Amino acid sequence: MGVPCPRCLDHDTREVSDGMCPQCFGTSIDGGYYFGIPMKVLLQQEGPRKKGVSPDIGTTDPRRRTVRSVHYPMICSKDLWISARSADRYEIGVVNIVTFVRETPVVGVYEFKMLPRTSIAYSDQVSAKAVTLPVEQPTGTEHTWHGKLDCD
């Protein structure tokens, strides 16, 4: 996935020792997150404003959302999603691919977990990467991936 962070990655356990690391932003990968890519999602479940018990769906947590989206670009657990409306940051939790076409993932259902405002994901450096899209020349191979794809 990338070069391990030389500042905060514990070499024995391969765990991040500083969740607020300015070099990897707590991701364990040097440089942190990739540049942002706009994507639209469909909210699957809207819970009440306060955590509680609903007679229809049981215990709900407003910091967790279930969404559906086209699975392109490939979305992986631990990815960061930033709401364009509220600028809230969410970490992608469980990833379930629900539609395949010729073994290629097309549609996924994802669990979004809202990050606290104290998270480094709200830092200016991460925000700048989210709104600054890199300019790249097409290579002609953008749509040639086939078969099983993993985030590992």
Protein backbone atom coordinates (compact mmCIF):
# COMPACT_ATOMS: atom_id res chain seq x y z
CA MET A 1 0.00 0.00 0.00
CA GLY A 2 2.94 2.35 0.54
CA VAL A 3 6.11 3.13 2.42
CA PRO A 4 5.76 2.52 6.17
CA CYS A 5 5.90 5.66 8.31
CA PRO A 6 9.45 6.07 9.67
CA ARG A 7 8.26 8.33 12.51
CA CYS A 8 5.53 6.44 14.36
CA LEU A 9 5.25 2.84 13.13
CA ASP A 10 6.40 0.34 15.75
CA HIS A 11 8.71 -2.05 13.92
CA ASP A 12 7.89 -5.01 16.18
CA THR A 13 4.10 -4.82 16.28
CA ARG A 14 3.51 -2.92 12.99
CA GLU A 15 1.09 -0.70 14.96
CA VAL A 16 0.88 3.10 14.88
CA SER A 17 2.35 4.52 18.07
CA ASP A 18 1.09 8.09 17.46
CA GLY A 19 -2.44 8.54 16.15
CA MET A 20 -1.72 12.26 15.66
CA CYS A 21 1.46 11.73 13.62
CA PRO A 22 1.95 14.68 11.23
CA GLN A 23 3.81 12.49 8.74
CA CYS A 24 1.28 9.68 8.21
CA PHE A 25 -1.84 11.13 9.94
CA GLY A 26 -2.19 7.93 11.97
CA THR A 27 -2.48 5.68 8.89
CA SER A 28 0.96 4.00 9.25
CA ILE A 29 1.74 4.89 5.61
CA ASP A 30 4.26 7.67 4.93
CA GLY A 31 2.35 10.64 3.50
CA GLY A 32 -1.00 9.50 4.89
CA TYR A 33 -4.06 9.64 2.69
CA TYR A 34 -4.28 9.78 -1.09
CA PHE A 35 -5.77 12.88 -2.68
CA GLY A 36 -9.54 13.15 -2.47
CA ILE A 37 -11.83 11.81 -5.18
CA PRO A 38 -15.42 13.09 -5.38
CA MET A 39 -18.05 10.38 -4.96
CA LYS A 40 -21.74 10.25 -4.26
CA VAL A 41 -23.29 7.94 -1.70
CA LEU A 42 -26.86 6.96 -0.87
CA LEU A 43 -27.66 6.95 2.84
CA GLN A 44 -29.24 3.58 3.68
CA GLN A 45 -30.20 4.15 7.27
CA GLU A 46 -30.83 7.37 9.16
CA GLY A 47 -30.85 6.99 12.92
CA PRO A 48 -32.25 9.39 15.49
CA ARG A 49 -30.14 12.33 16.72
CA LYS A 50 -29.43 10.64 20.06
CA LYS A 51 -28.29 7.13 20.76
CA GLY A 52 -31.24 5.14 21.93
CA VAL A 53 -33.50 2.22 21.29
CA SER A 54 -35.92 2.29 18.39
CA PRO A 55 -38.80 -0.22 18.41
CA ASP A 56 -38.28 -0.81 14.68
CA ILE A 57 -34.51 -1.16 14.36
CA GLY A 58 -33.07 -1.59 17.88
CA THR A 59 -30.16 0.40 19.25
CA THR A 60 -28.97 3.17 16.96
CA ASP A 61 -25.86 5.33 16.97
CA PRO A 62 -25.91 8.65 15.06
CA ARG A 63 -22.14 8.46 14.53
CA ARG A 64 -22.53 5.38 12.31
CA ARG A 65 -24.07 5.42 8.88
CA THR A 66 -24.68 2.72 6.31
CA VAL A 67 -24.36 3.91 2.74
CA ARG A 68 -24.48 2.45 -0.76
CA SER A 69 -22.31 3.57 -3.65
CA VAL A 70 -20.71 2.54 -6.90
CA HIS A 71 -17.51 0.68 -5.98
CA TYR A 72 -15.25 2.86 -8.10
CA PRO A 73 -12.75 3.93 -7.11
CA MET A 74 -12.17 0.87 -4.94
CA ILE A 75 -13.20 1.66 -1.36
CA CYS A 76 -11.43 -0.12 1.49
CA SER A 77 -11.84 -0.41 5.20
CA LYS A 78 -9.98 2.41 7.04
CA ASP A 79 -10.40 4.84 4.09
CA LEU A 80 -11.45 8.39 4.96
CA TRP A 81 -14.66 9.98 3.64
CA ILE A 82 -15.33 13.69 4.09
CA SER A 83 -18.88 15.00 3.81
CA ALA A 84 -19.11 17.86 1.32
CA ARG A 85 -22.10 19.29 3.22
CA SER A 86 -20.87 19.24 6.80
CA ALA A 87 -17.11 18.55 6.47
CA ASP A 88 -17.56 15.71 8.98
CA ARG A 89 -14.95 12.98 8.67
CA TYR A 90 -15.90 9.32 8.55
CA GLU A 91 -13.73 6.23 8.60
CA ILE A 92 -14.91 3.41 6.37
CA GLY A 93 -15.61 0.33 8.48
CA VAL A 94 -17.18 -2.80 7.04
CA VAL A 95 -17.13 -3.05 3.23
CA ASN A 96 -19.69 -5.37 1.59
CA ILE A 97 -19.79 -5.74 -2.17
CA VAL A 98 -23.40 -6.43 -3.13
CA THR A 99 -23.22 -6.41 -6.93
CA PHE A 100 -20.65 -8.02 -9.22
CA VAL A 101 -20.51 -8.03 -13.01
CA ARG A 102 -18.21 -10.74 -14.37
CA GLU A 103 -16.42 -10.98 -11.02
CA THR A 104 -15.79 -7.21 -10.98
CA PRO A 105 -17.19 -5.35 -7.95
CA VAL A 106 -19.75 -2.75 -9.02
CA VAL A 107 -21.86 -1.70 -6.01
CA GLY A 108 -20.95 -1.75 -2.34
CA VAL A 109 -22.58 -1.11 1.01
CA TYR A 110 -20.27 0.56 3.52
CA GLU A 111 -20.33 1.35 7.20
CA PHE A 112 -19.21 4.92 7.94
CA LYS A 113 -18.01 5.71 11.47
CA MET A 114 -17.85 9.42 12.32
CA LEU A 115 -14.49 10.50 13.68
CA PRO A 116 -14.30 12.82 16.69
CA ARG A 117 -13.38 16.46 16.02
CA THR A 118 -10.10 15.85 17.84
CA SER A 119 -8.97 13.39 15.16
CA ILE A 120 -6.01 14.34 12.98
CA ALA A 121 -8.34 13.73 10.01
CA TYR A 122 -9.67 17.27 10.71
CA SER A 123 -6.19 18.81 10.35
CA ASP A 124 -5.43 21.44 7.72
CA GLN A 125 -3.01 19.11 5.91
CA VAL A 126 -5.66 16.41 5.44
CA SER A 127 -8.27 19.00 4.44
CA ALA A 128 -5.91 20.42 1.80
CA LYS A 129 -5.36 16.96 0.31
CA ALA A 130 -9.10 16.34 0.24
CA VAL A 131 -9.91 19.38 -1.87
CA THR A 132 -6.77 19.44 -4.05
CA LEU A 133 -7.08 16.90 -6.83
CA PRO A 134 -3.81 15.94 -8.51
CA VAL A 135 -3.53 16.49 -12.25
CA GLU A 136 -2.56 13.26 -13.94
CA GLN A 137 -2.41 12.31 -17.56
CA PRO A 138 -4.51 9.26 -18.51
CA THR A 139 -2.45 6.16 -19.22
CA GLY A 140 -5.10 4.22 -21.12
CA THR A 141 -5.20 1.51 -18.44
CA GLU A 142 -7.66 3.13 -16.05
CA HIS A 143 -10.47 0.65 -16.74
CA THR A 144 -8.57 -2.56 -17.35
CA TRP A 145 -8.75 -4.15 -13.89
CA HIS A 146 -10.60 -7.48 -13.82
CA GLY A 147 -11.14 -10.34 -11.46
CA LYS A 148 -10.96 -10.32 -7.68
CA LEU A 149 -9.63 -7.10 -6.16
CA ASP A 150 -8.59 -6.76 -2.54
CA CYS A 151 -7.65 -3.87 -0.33
CA ASP A 152 -4.79 -5.89 1.18
